[in-house]
Protein backbone atom coordinates (compact mmCIF):
# COMPACT_ATOMS: atom_id res chain seq x y z
CA MET A 1 0.00 0.00 0.00
CA PRO A 2 1.60 3.31 -1.01
CA SER A 3 2.44 5.79 1.71
CA PRO A 4 0.69 9.14 1.90
CA PRO A 5 2.41 12.15 0.34
CA LEU A 6 4.85 14.08 2.43
CA GLN A 7 3.27 17.27 3.68
CA SER A 8 5.39 20.39 4.09
CA GLY A 9 5.85 19.83 7.83
CA SER A 10 6.95 16.25 7.30
CA ARG A 11 9.44 17.32 4.63
CA ARG A 12 10.85 19.88 7.04
CA HIS A 13 11.17 17.22 9.74
CA ALA A 14 12.87 14.90 7.26
CA ARG A 15 15.44 17.58 6.45
CA ILE A 16 16.10 18.19 10.15
CA ILE A 17 16.58 14.49 10.85
CA ALA A 18 18.81 14.15 7.78
CA ALA A 19 20.98 17.05 8.96
CA TRP A 20 21.29 15.39 12.37
CA LEU A 21 22.35 12.13 10.74
CA LEU A 22 24.88 13.90 8.53
CA VAL A 23 26.44 15.46 11.63
CA GLY A 24 26.69 11.92 12.99
CA CYS A 25 28.35 10.82 9.74
CA ALA A 26 30.91 13.60 10.04
CA LEU A 27 31.69 12.56 13.62
CA VAL A 28 32.05 8.90 12.65
CA ALA A 29 34.39 9.93 9.83
CA ALA A 30 36.44 12.06 12.23
CA THR A 31 36.62 9.15 14.66
CA LEU A 32 37.86 6.87 11.88
CA VAL A 33 40.58 9.33 10.89
CA VAL A 34 41.67 9.99 14.47
CA GLY A 35 41.67 6.24 15.08
CA GLY A 36 44.01 5.81 12.13
CA VAL A 37 46.37 8.47 13.44
CA THR A 38 46.20 6.86 16.88
CA ARG A 39 47.39 3.58 15.42
CA LEU A 40 50.06 5.21 13.25
CA THR A 41 51.52 7.09 16.22
CA GLY A 42 51.55 3.99 18.41
CA SER A 43 49.08 5.58 20.81
CA GLY A 44 46.38 2.94 20.92
CA LEU A 45 47.63 1.16 24.06
CA SER A 46 48.36 4.29 26.09
CA MET A 47 45.10 4.05 28.07
CA VAL A 48 45.06 0.68 29.80
CA ASP A 49 41.61 1.02 31.43
CA TRP A 50 38.15 1.47 30.01
CA GLU A 51 36.00 3.78 32.11
CA PRO A 52 33.02 4.87 30.01
CA VAL A 53 31.88 7.57 32.47
CA SER A 54 34.80 8.67 34.63
CA GLY A 55 37.18 8.31 31.68
CA VAL A 56 35.61 11.38 30.08
CA VAL A 57 37.76 13.58 32.32
CA PRO A 58 41.49 13.43 31.50
CA PRO A 59 44.19 13.85 34.16
CA LEU A 60 44.02 17.43 35.42
CA SER A 61 46.85 17.50 37.94
CA ALA A 62 50.43 16.31 38.27
CA GLU A 63 49.23 13.54 40.57
CA GLY A 64 46.61 12.46 38.05
CA TRP A 65 49.20 12.25 35.29
CA GLU A 66 51.53 10.25 37.51
CA ARG A 67 48.75 7.75 38.25
CA GLU A 68 47.93 7.41 34.56
CA PHE A 69 51.60 7.01 33.65
CA ALA A 70 52.14 4.46 36.42
CA ALA A 71 49.29 2.34 35.03
CA TYR A 72 50.88 2.51 31.58
CA ARG A 73 54.29 1.53 32.96
CA ASP A 74 52.71 -1.71 34.21
CA SER A 75 51.62 -2.60 30.67
CA PRO A 76 53.48 -5.00 28.35
CA GLU A 77 53.99 -2.21 25.81
CA TYR A 78 56.06 -0.16 28.25
CA ARG A 79 58.04 -3.15 29.48
CA LEU A 80 58.82 -4.47 25.99
CA VAL A 81 58.62 -1.53 23.58
CA THR A 82 58.70 1.94 25.13
CA ARG A 83 60.74 1.40 28.30
CA GLY A 84 62.33 4.65 29.39
CA MET A 85 59.57 6.82 27.90
CA SER A 86 59.25 10.15 29.71
CA LEU A 87 56.03 11.60 31.07
CA ALA A 88 56.06 14.26 28.33
CA GLU A 89 56.33 11.56 25.67
CA PHE A 90 53.54 9.60 27.31
CA LYS A 91 51.27 12.66 27.25
CA ARG A 92 51.69 12.94 23.49
CA ILE A 93 50.46 9.41 22.81
CA PHE A 94 47.80 9.63 25.54
CA TRP A 95 46.03 12.56 23.90
CA PHE A 96 45.53 10.74 20.60
CA GLU A 97 43.84 7.77 22.26
CA TYR A 98 41.88 10.08 24.56
CA ALA A 99 40.59 12.09 21.57
CA HIS A 100 39.58 8.88 19.80
CA ARG A 101 37.60 7.65 22.80
CA LEU A 102 36.10 11.09 23.46
CA LEU A 103 34.78 11.28 19.91
CA GLY A 104 33.07 7.94 20.45
CA ARG A 105 31.32 9.32 23.52
CA VAL A 106 30.34 12.51 21.69
CA ILE A 107 28.76 10.42 18.92
CA GLY A 108 26.67 8.64 21.55
CA LEU A 109 25.41 11.93 22.99
CA VAL A 110 24.78 13.45 19.56
CA PHE A 111 22.64 10.42 18.75
CA ILE A 112 20.77 9.88 22.03
CA ILE A 113 19.71 13.43 22.92
CA PRO A 114 18.27 14.54 19.55
CA PHE A 115 16.73 11.09 19.02
CA ALA A 116 14.82 11.41 22.29
CA VAL A 117 13.68 14.93 21.41
CA PHE A 118 12.57 13.96 17.90
CA LEU A 119 10.76 10.92 19.25
CA LEU A 120 8.91 12.92 21.89
CA ARG A 121 7.88 15.50 19.30
CA ARG A 122 6.75 12.73 16.94
CA MET A 123 9.04 13.97 14.18
CA ILE A 124 10.41 10.53 13.29
CA PRO A 125 8.41 8.27 10.95
CA ARG A 126 7.45 5.00 12.62
CA SER A 127 9.15 3.08 9.83
CA LEU A 128 12.45 4.82 10.59
CA VAL A 129 12.56 4.11 14.34
CA PRO A 130 13.83 0.48 14.05
CA ARG A 131 16.62 1.61 11.72
CA LEU A 132 17.72 4.32 14.15
CA LEU A 133 17.60 1.89 17.07
CA LEU A 134 19.77 -0.49 15.04
CA LEU A 135 22.30 2.31 14.51
CA PHE A 136 22.31 2.98 18.24
CA ALA A 137 22.90 -0.70 18.99
CA LEU A 138 25.72 -0.89 16.45
CA GLY A 139 27.30 2.22 17.95
CA GLY A 140 27.25 0.65 21.41
CA ALA A 141 28.71 -2.55 20.02
CA GLN A 142 31.46 -0.50 18.40
CA GLY A 143 32.54 0.84 21.79
CA LEU A 144 32.69 -2.67 23.23
CA LEU A 145 34.53 -3.95 20.18
CA GLY A 146 37.07 -1.14 20.47
CA TRP A 147 37.89 -2.09 24.05
CA TRP A 148 38.05 -5.78 23.10
CA MET A 149 40.56 -4.78 20.43
CA VAL A 150 42.68 -2.80 22.90
CA ARG A 151 42.58 -5.67 25.38
CA SER A 152 44.28 -7.89 22.80
CA GLY A 153 47.37 -5.67 23.08
CA LEU A 154 47.47 -5.54 26.87
CA VAL A 155 48.65 -9.13 27.27
CA ASP A 156 52.03 -10.76 26.67
CA ILE A 157 52.50 -9.35 23.15
CA PRO A 158 51.87 -5.56 23.08
CA ARG A 159 50.14 -5.52 19.71
CA VAL A 160 46.45 -5.41 18.92
CA SER A 161 45.03 -8.33 17.00
CA PRO A 162 44.74 -7.59 13.25
CA TYR A 163 41.45 -9.50 13.29
CA ARG A 164 40.00 -7.30 16.01
CA LEU A 165 41.43 -4.15 14.45
CA THR A 166 39.79 -4.95 11.12
CA ALA A 167 36.52 -5.92 12.80
CA HIS A 168 36.57 -2.56 14.61
CA LEU A 169 37.15 -0.81 11.29
CA ALA A 170 34.45 -2.84 9.54
CA LEU A 171 31.81 -1.99 12.12
CA ALA A 172 32.70 1.70 11.97
CA VAL A 173 32.33 1.68 8.19
CA LEU A 174 29.01 -0.15 8.49
CA VAL A 175 27.67 2.44 10.95
CA TYR A 176 28.86 5.22 8.65
CA ALA A 177 27.28 3.62 5.58
CA LEU A 178 23.90 2.96 7.22
CA THR A 179 23.78 6.47 8.67
CA LEU A 180 24.67 8.13 5.38
CA TRP A 181 22.22 5.98 3.40
CA THR A 182 19.43 6.86 5.81
CA ALA A 183 20.25 10.57 5.56
CA LEU A 184 20.23 10.41 1.76
CA SER A 185 16.89 8.58 1.86
CA LEU A 186 15.44 11.47 3.84
CA LEU A 187 16.97 14.19 1.70
CA ARG A 188 16.05 12.60 -1.63
CA PRO A 189 12.98 10.40 -1.06
CA GLY A 190 11.40 11.15 -4.41
CA PRO A 191 11.70 9.30 -7.69
CA GLY A 192 14.93 9.24 -9.61
CA LYS A 193 15.26 10.60 -13.11
CA GLY A 194 15.34 8.31 -16.08
CA ASP A 195 13.88 4.86 -16.40
CA PRO A 196 15.71 2.26 -14.28
CA GLY A 197 14.17 -0.44 -16.40
CA ALA A 198 15.68 0.99 -19.57
CA ALA A 199 18.60 -0.68 -21.28
CA GLY A 200 21.70 -0.31 -19.15
CA GLY A 201 19.86 1.08 -16.11
CA ALA A 202 19.77 -2.16 -14.15
CA GLY A 203 23.31 -2.93 -15.25
CA LEU A 204 24.56 0.40 -13.93
CA ARG A 205 22.91 -0.23 -10.57
CA ARG A 206 24.40 -3.69 -10.29
CA GLY A 207 27.80 -2.45 -11.40
CA SER A 208 27.77 0.38 -8.89
CA ALA A 209 26.79 -1.96 -6.05
CA LEU A 210 29.56 -4.36 -7.05
CA VAL A 211 32.19 -1.61 -7.13
CA LEU A 212 30.95 -0.32 -3.76
CA ALA A 213 31.38 -3.81 -2.28
CA LEU A 214 34.85 -4.00 -3.82
CA ALA A 215 35.75 -0.65 -2.24
CA ALA A 216 34.63 -1.93 1.16
CA LEU A 217 36.66 -5.12 0.71
CA THR A 218 39.74 -3.12 -0.31
CA LEU A 219 39.32 -0.85 2.69
CA LEU A 220 39.11 -3.83 5.04
CA SER A 221 42.13 -5.46 3.43
CA GLY A 222 43.91 -2.23 4.32
CA GLY A 223 42.95 -2.94 7.92
CA PHE A 224 45.01 -6.13 7.83
CA VAL A 225 47.88 -4.28 6.14
CA ALA A 226 47.77 -1.77 9.00
CA GLY A 227 47.39 -4.39 11.71
CA LEU A 228 50.35 -6.39 10.42
CA ASP A 229 52.52 -3.34 9.56
CA ALA A 230 52.64 -4.85 6.09
CA GLY A 231 53.33 -1.46 4.53
CA LEU A 232 56.85 -1.54 5.95
CA ILE A 233 58.00 -4.33 3.63
CA TYR A 234 58.33 -4.45 -0.17
CA ASN A 235 58.50 -0.68 -0.47
CA THR A 236 58.69 -0.76 -4.25
CA PHE A 237 56.09 -0.31 -6.97
CA PRO A 238 54.80 -1.76 -9.23
CA ARG A 239 56.99 -4.77 -8.43
CA MET A 240 57.27 -6.29 -4.98
CA GLY A 241 61.01 -6.36 -4.57
CA ALA A 242 62.65 -7.93 -7.60
CA GLY A 243 59.54 -9.65 -8.89
CA TRP A 244 55.84 -9.24 -9.46
CA ILE A 245 54.96 -11.90 -6.90
CA PRO A 246 56.85 -12.01 -3.59
CA PRO A 247 58.72 -15.26 -2.93
CA ASP A 248 57.29 -15.51 0.59
CA LEU A 249 53.65 -15.33 -0.51
CA PHE A 250 51.32 -17.51 1.60
CA GLY A 251 53.95 -17.86 4.29
CA ALA A 252 51.58 -18.43 7.21
CA SER A 253 50.74 -21.86 8.55
CA PRO A 254 48.19 -23.04 7.61
CA TRP A 255 48.56 -21.25 4.27
CA TRP A 256 44.93 -20.14 4.06
CA LEU A 257 45.46 -17.80 7.01
CA SER A 258 48.11 -15.90 5.05
CA PRO A 259 45.80 -13.06 3.89
CA PHE A 260 45.18 -12.26 7.55
CA GLU A 261 48.46 -13.19 9.26
CA ASP A 262 51.26 -12.97 6.67
CA ARG A 263 52.59 -9.51 5.86
CA ALA A 264 53.65 -10.20 2.27
CA THR A 265 50.31 -11.81 1.41
CA ALA A 266 48.30 -9.02 3.06
CA GLN A 267 50.16 -6.37 1.07
CA PHE A 268 49.92 -8.36 -2.17
CA ASN A 269 46.16 -8.77 -1.75
CA HIS A 270 45.71 -5.07 -0.99
CA ARG A 271 47.66 -4.13 -4.12
CA ILE A 272 45.59 -6.45 -6.32
CA LEU A 273 42.29 -5.29 -4.86
CA ALA A 274 43.31 -1.64 -5.21
CA MET A 275 44.21 -2.07 -8.89
CA VAL A 276 40.96 -3.91 -9.63
CA LEU A 277 39.07 -1.16 -7.79
CA LEU A 278 40.86 1.52 -9.83
CA ALA A 279 39.81 -0.21 -13.04
CA GLY A 280 36.28 -0.80 -11.77
CA VAL A 281 35.67 2.80 -10.73
CA THR A 282 37.10 4.06 -14.02
CA ALA A 283 34.83 1.75 -16.03
CA LEU A 284 31.82 2.71 -13.92
CA TRP A 285 32.60 6.40 -14.41
CA TRP A 286 32.76 5.91 -18.18
CA ALA A 287 29.42 4.11 -18.20
CA CYS A 288 27.75 6.71 -15.97
CA ALA A 289 29.11 9.60 -18.02
CA ARG A 290 27.26 8.19 -21.02
CA GLY A 291 23.96 7.08 -19.53
CA ALA A 292 23.31 8.10 -15.92
CA PRO A 293 21.12 10.98 -14.67
CA GLY A 294 22.75 14.22 -13.55
CA ALA A 295 23.08 13.58 -9.82
CA ALA A 296 24.52 10.13 -10.43
CA ARG A 297 27.05 11.57 -12.88
CA THR A 298 28.20 14.02 -10.22
CA TRP A 299 28.86 11.16 -7.80
CA ALA A 300 30.59 9.22 -10.58
CA HIS A 301 32.87 12.13 -11.47
CA THR A 302 33.75 12.53 -7.79
CA GLY A 303 34.53 8.84 -7.39
CA PHE A 304 36.66 8.84 -10.55
CA ALA A 305 38.78 11.76 -9.33
CA VAL A 306 39.09 10.43 -5.80
CA VAL A 307 40.09 6.89 -6.80
CA TRP A 308 43.08 8.18 -8.78
CA VAL A 309 44.12 10.39 -5.87
CA GLN A 310 43.76 7.35 -3.63
CA ALA A 311 46.00 5.28 -5.88
CA ALA A 312 48.66 8.00 -5.87
CA LEU A 313 48.47 8.30 -2.08
CA GLY A 314 48.78 4.55 -1.66
CA VAL A 315 51.85 4.29 -3.87
CA ALA A 316 53.50 7.32 -2.23
CA THR A 317 52.79 5.95 1.25
CA LEU A 318 54.40 2.65 0.31
CA LEU A 319 57.47 4.13 -1.40
CA LEU A 320 58.14 6.53 1.50
CA PHE A 321 57.88 3.82 4.18
CA VAL A 322 54.49 4.86 5.59
CA PRO A 323 54.92 8.43 6.84
CA ILE A 324 52.16 9.28 9.29
CA SER A 325 50.79 12.22 7.29
CA LEU A 326 50.48 10.33 4.01
CA ALA A 327 49.15 7.17 5.65
CA ALA A 328 46.47 9.18 7.47
CA LEU A 329 45.49 10.92 4.23
CA HIS A 330 45.32 7.55 2.48
CA GLN A 331 42.89 6.24 5.09
CA ALA A 332 40.79 9.41 5.11
CA ASN A 333 40.60 9.47 1.32
CA ALA A 334 39.48 5.84 1.32
CA LEU A 335 36.41 6.97 3.24
CA VAL A 336 35.84 9.81 0.75
CA LEU A 337 35.95 7.27 -2.09
CA PHE A 338 33.57 4.95 -0.24
CA THR A 339 31.21 7.90 0.29
CA ALA A 340 31.20 8.81 -3.40
CA LEU A 341 30.48 5.22 -4.43
CA LEU A 342 27.74 4.87 -1.83
CA GLY A 343 26.15 8.11 -3.06
CA LEU A 344 26.33 6.85 -6.64
CA THR A 345 24.79 3.50 -5.71
CA PHE A 346 22.00 5.27 -3.82
CA GLU A 347 21.27 7.64 -6.69
CA LEU A 348 21.16 4.87 -9.29
CA GLY A 349 18.77 2.87 -7.12
CA ARG A 350 16.22 5.58 -6.37
CA PRO A 351 12.65 4.40 -7.06
CA GLU A 352 10.79 5.52 -10.14
CA ALA A 353 7.77 7.74 -9.85
CA SER A 354 4.36 6.19 -9.54
CA GLY A 355 2.83 8.82 -7.34
CA ALA A 356 3.67 11.20 -4.54
CA ARG A 357 6.84 11.39 -2.51
CA THR A 358 6.91 9.10 0.50
CA LEU A 359 8.97 8.67 3.59
CA PRO A 360 11.94 6.27 3.45
CA GLY A 361 11.04 2.75 4.45
CA GLY A 362 7.57 3.07 2.97
CA GLY A 363 5.95 3.69 6.35
CA PRO A 364 3.26 6.21 7.11
CA GLU A 365 4.20 9.65 8.29
CA VAL A 366 3.67 10.39 11.96
CA GLY A 367 3.39 13.50 14.01
CA ARG A 368 0.58 15.12 12.05
CA PRO A 369 -0.06 17.72 14.77
CA ALA A 370 3.59 18.70 14.69
CA ALA A 371 3.59 18.68 10.89
CA SER A 372 0.90 21.32 10.74
CA SER A 373 2.66 23.65 13.11
């Protein structure tokens, strides 16, 4: 049964909710970037406790800093890696991890408080409430997963598990994608232009979804490269050392764990995926430039430009032995590319017109008294 048309008040509410979700997207993106810098600077194990409430306040006195530093000195990382670190040096790595955790808490507040207000004012469509509750649950799970990841580096070997690191990254990207998709659904709920059933229309949609999935896979393979420090070997391009295929490929035991536990294999896989992605985005851009509607072409042009920048950043990061600035830009730009491809996939999949504009999810609008105000 088709949903009723959006009235002016409901459209205004949709724009407000979309703006709120886009703020959340920006905060998730910032958290991802800060998390990458935290890992690159070796700061991720500087806070050895997880205190969701009291941990909001950093050390404010000399005694507080001494207590925090003493807890760190009891950790395996200090005993085995950073022994002799001064308090001033500890403060530098502490602030990166603190900022990363603080952003996570801010995201929670930015979600919970407006959500409660919008719900009380009946501004949220009933069909959208389950999706928002899912985002809230995933955000909470992300906090728990982050601490589980840190815990893996607070044992005998002071190094976080690449599996947990990549899982933490994957969940963050999922939260980002669902939030952005929901915001786009609210901002552009109407029919798309052009006939999706026309020749090439369905193919473009499938191709865009496939390239988006490939971008996500490439991004996650980068998580294993980061977790294994695989960017610090074979710092040549396009060859890996003297050959195209490294001699120590599939060096883990058993061999099928090599993509996740062997540095040479992780880097090789990331290179291959990145090159396939470069070709895929370029082909998709060419197809969209010839037959996609205007908004989709804009996303396609953006993705085409960004993917070539991403390739250049990746090669430069590798050749220069992973400088922090370039590596952080490479990770941030990966999210920009993912955003462009998600926007393109959304635009190509917008429903065709058969009537009035409806709320995302196909549910009835709510809050009619508020809508008329």
